[in-house]
Amino acid sequence: MARQTGQQTSQGPGAAAADARQMRLVAVVIAVTMVLWLGVQWLGGQGDWPAKYAFLADLVAIGALIWSLLVTWRIWRRRNASSQGQG
């Protein structure tokens, strides 16, 4: 969304830089989670690991993805609130 030039926002350049850092962290967490999850699934299939390890890897991956979703949602809410002058 484009901001109007005369609009005052409470989100300064420091907050925007912090949001950008958090979004980069989210992207790295998602990418690393998927690569590691695929690797564990492949290794488990090759090594005939018990199914409990596959489920454990699934739960860890789900946890990382939920964390990423929550951080992304929080950043989106903060940007949305500041663009509407609420915060």
C-alpha atoms as a PDB file:
ATOM      1  CA  MET A   1       0.000   0.000   0.000  1.00  0.00           C
ATOM      2  CA  ALA A   2       1.257   3.428  -0.820  1.00  0.00           C
ATOM      3  CA  ARG A   3       1.284   6.035   1.914  1.00  0.00           C
ATOM      4  CA  GLN A   4       0.149   9.568   1.426  1.00  0.00           C
ATOM      5  CA  THR A   5       2.961  12.109   1.608  1.00  0.00           C
ATOM      6  CA  GLY A   6       1.261  14.259   4.250  1.00  0.00           C
ATOM      7  CA  GLN A   7       0.410  11.391   6.557  1.00  0.00           C
ATOM      8  CA  GLN A   8       2.101  11.219   9.958  1.00  0.00           C
ATOM      9  CA  THR A   9       3.152   7.748  11.072  1.00  0.00           C
ATOM     10  CA  SER A  10       4.439   6.663  14.430  1.00  0.00           C
ATOM     11  CA  GLN A  11       6.671   4.070  12.800  1.00  0.00           C
ATOM     12  CA  GLY A  12      10.058   5.662  12.231  1.00  0.00           C
ATOM     13  CA  PRO A  13      13.021   4.455  10.219  1.00  0.00           C
ATOM     14  CA  GLY A  14      14.300   2.429  13.194  1.00  0.00           C
ATOM     15  CA  ALA A  15      11.062   0.475  13.421  1.00  0.00           C
ATOM     16  CA  ALA A  16      11.018  -0.115   9.678  1.00  0.00           C
ATOM     17  CA  ALA A  17      14.583  -1.437   9.826  1.00  0.00           C
ATOM     18  CA  ALA A  18      13.638  -3.713  12.735  1.00  0.00           C
ATOM     19  CA  ASP A  19      10.677  -5.036  10.730  1.00  0.00           C
ATOM     20  CA  ALA A  20      12.946  -5.689   7.766  1.00  0.00           C
ATOM     21  CA  ARG A  21      15.391  -7.600   9.983  1.00  0.00           C
ATOM     22  CA  GLN A  22      12.568  -9.673  11.421  1.00  0.00           C
ATOM     23  CA  MET A  23      11.206 -10.465   7.974  1.00  0.00           C
ATOM     24  CA  ARG A  24      14.662 -11.600   6.834  1.00  0.00           C
ATOM     25  CA  LEU A  25      14.871 -13.806   9.923  1.00  0.00           C
ATOM     26  CA  VAL A  26      11.450 -15.269   9.126  1.00  0.00           C
ATOM     27  CA  ALA A  27      12.552 -16.017   5.571  1.00  0.00           C
ATOM     28  CA  VAL A  28      15.722 -17.734   6.788  1.00  0.00           C
ATOM     29  CA  VAL A  29      13.809 -19.778   9.370  1.00  0.00           C
ATOM     30  CA  ILE A  30      11.305 -20.947   6.741  1.00  0.00           C
ATOM     31  CA  ALA A  31      14.005 -21.869   4.228  1.00  0.00           C
ATOM     32  CA  VAL A  32      16.237 -23.665   6.747  1.00  0.00           C
ATOM     33  CA  THR A  33      13.243 -25.464   8.260  1.00  0.00           C
ATOM     34  CA  MET A  34      12.152 -26.817   4.902  1.00  0.00           C
ATOM     35  CA  VAL A  35      15.646 -27.927   3.892  1.00  0.00           C
ATOM     36  CA  LEU A  36      16.278 -29.636   7.229  1.00  0.00           C
ATOM     37  CA  TRP A  37      12.849 -31.217   7.285  1.00  0.00           C
ATOM     38  CA  LEU A  38      13.299 -32.638   3.783  1.00  0.00           C
ATOM     39  CA  GLY A  39      16.778 -33.841   4.724  1.00  0.00           C
ATOM     40  CA  VAL A  40      15.561 -35.617   7.850  1.00  0.00           C
ATOM     41  CA  GLN A  41      12.703 -37.211   5.941  1.00  0.00           C
ATOM     42  CA  TRP A  42      15.086 -38.458   3.251  1.00  0.00           C
ATOM     43  CA  LEU A  43      17.671 -39.707   5.766  1.00  0.00           C
ATOM     44  CA  GLY A  44      14.956 -41.451   7.742  1.00  0.00           C
ATOM     45  CA  GLY A  45      13.724 -43.204   4.647  1.00  0.00           C
ATOM     46  CA  GLN A  46      17.222 -44.265   3.632  1.00  0.00           C
ATOM     47  CA  GLY A  47      18.213 -45.415   7.101  1.00  0.00           C
ATOM     48  CA  ASP A  48      14.923 -47.102   8.041  1.00  0.00           C
ATOM     49  CA  TRP A  49      14.544 -44.892  11.097  1.00  0.00           C
ATOM     50  CA  PRO A  50      11.523 -45.485  13.330  1.00  0.00           C
ATOM     51  CA  ALA A  51       8.436 -43.447  12.511  1.00  0.00           C
ATOM     52  CA  LYS A  52       8.700 -41.565  15.811  1.00  0.00           C
ATOM     53  CA  TYR A  53      11.682 -39.629  14.423  1.00  0.00           C
ATOM     54  CA  ALA A  54       9.713 -38.603  11.348  1.00  0.00           C
ATOM     55  CA  PHE A  55       6.900 -37.376  13.589  1.00  0.00           C
ATOM     56  CA  LEU A  56       9.371 -35.522  15.777  1.00  0.00           C
ATOM     57  CA  ALA A  57      10.825 -33.791  12.708  1.00  0.00           C
ATOM     58  CA  ASP A  58       7.282 -32.931  11.597  1.00  0.00           C
ATOM     59  CA  LEU A  59       6.463 -31.364  14.969  1.00  0.00           C
ATOM     60  CA  VAL A  60       9.664 -29.313  14.993  1.00  0.00           C
ATOM     61  CA  ALA A  61       8.964 -28.086  11.463  1.00  0.00           C
ATOM     62  CA  ILE A  62       5.369 -27.213  12.343  1.00  0.00           C
ATOM     63  CA  GLY A  63       6.573 -25.288  15.382  1.00  0.00           C
ATOM     64  CA  ALA A  64       9.063 -23.282  13.315  1.00  0.00           C
ATOM     65  CA  LEU A  65       6.444 -22.503  10.670  1.00  0.00           C
ATOM     66  CA  ILE A  66       3.871 -21.436  13.265  1.00  0.00           C
ATOM     67  CA  TRP A  67       6.484 -19.147  14.841  1.00  0.00           C
ATOM     68  CA  SER A  68       7.177 -17.663  11.389  1.00  0.00           C
ATOM     69  CA  LEU A  69       3.481 -17.139  10.778  1.00  0.00           C
ATOM     70  CA  LEU A  70       2.995 -15.400  14.137  1.00  0.00           C
ATOM     71  CA  VAL A  71       5.970 -13.073  13.628  1.00  0.00           C
ATOM     72  CA  THR A  72       4.792 -12.210  10.113  1.00  0.00           C
ATOM     73  CA  TRP A  73       1.265 -11.545  11.373  1.00  0.00           C
ATOM     74  CA  ARG A  74       2.604  -9.301  14.163  1.00  0.00           C
ATOM     75  CA  ILE A  75       4.656  -7.263  11.675  1.00  0.00           C
ATOM     76  CA  TRP A  76       1.675  -6.983   9.338  1.00  0.00           C
ATOM     77  CA  ARG A  77      -0.552  -5.776  12.196  1.00  0.00           C
ATOM     78  CA  ARG A  78       2.043  -3.222  13.328  1.00  0.00           C
ATOM     79  CA  ARG A  79       2.439  -1.825   9.808  1.00  0.00           C
ATOM     80  CA  ASN A  80      -1.299  -1.810   9.239  1.00  0.00           C
ATOM     81  CA  ALA A  81      -1.962   0.019  12.519  1.00  0.00           C
ATOM     82  CA  SER A  82       0.728   2.618  11.854  1.00  0.00           C
ATOM     83  CA  SER A  83      -0.547   3.277   8.326  1.00  0.00           C
ATOM     84  CA  GLN A  84      -4.014   3.985   9.757  1.00  0.00           C
ATOM     85  CA  GLY A  85      -2.644   6.303  12.416  1.00  0.00           C
ATOM     86  CA  GLN A  86      -3.486   3.990  15.314  1.00  0.00           C
ATOM     87  CA  GLY A  87      -0.189   3.329  16.690  1.00  0.00           C
END
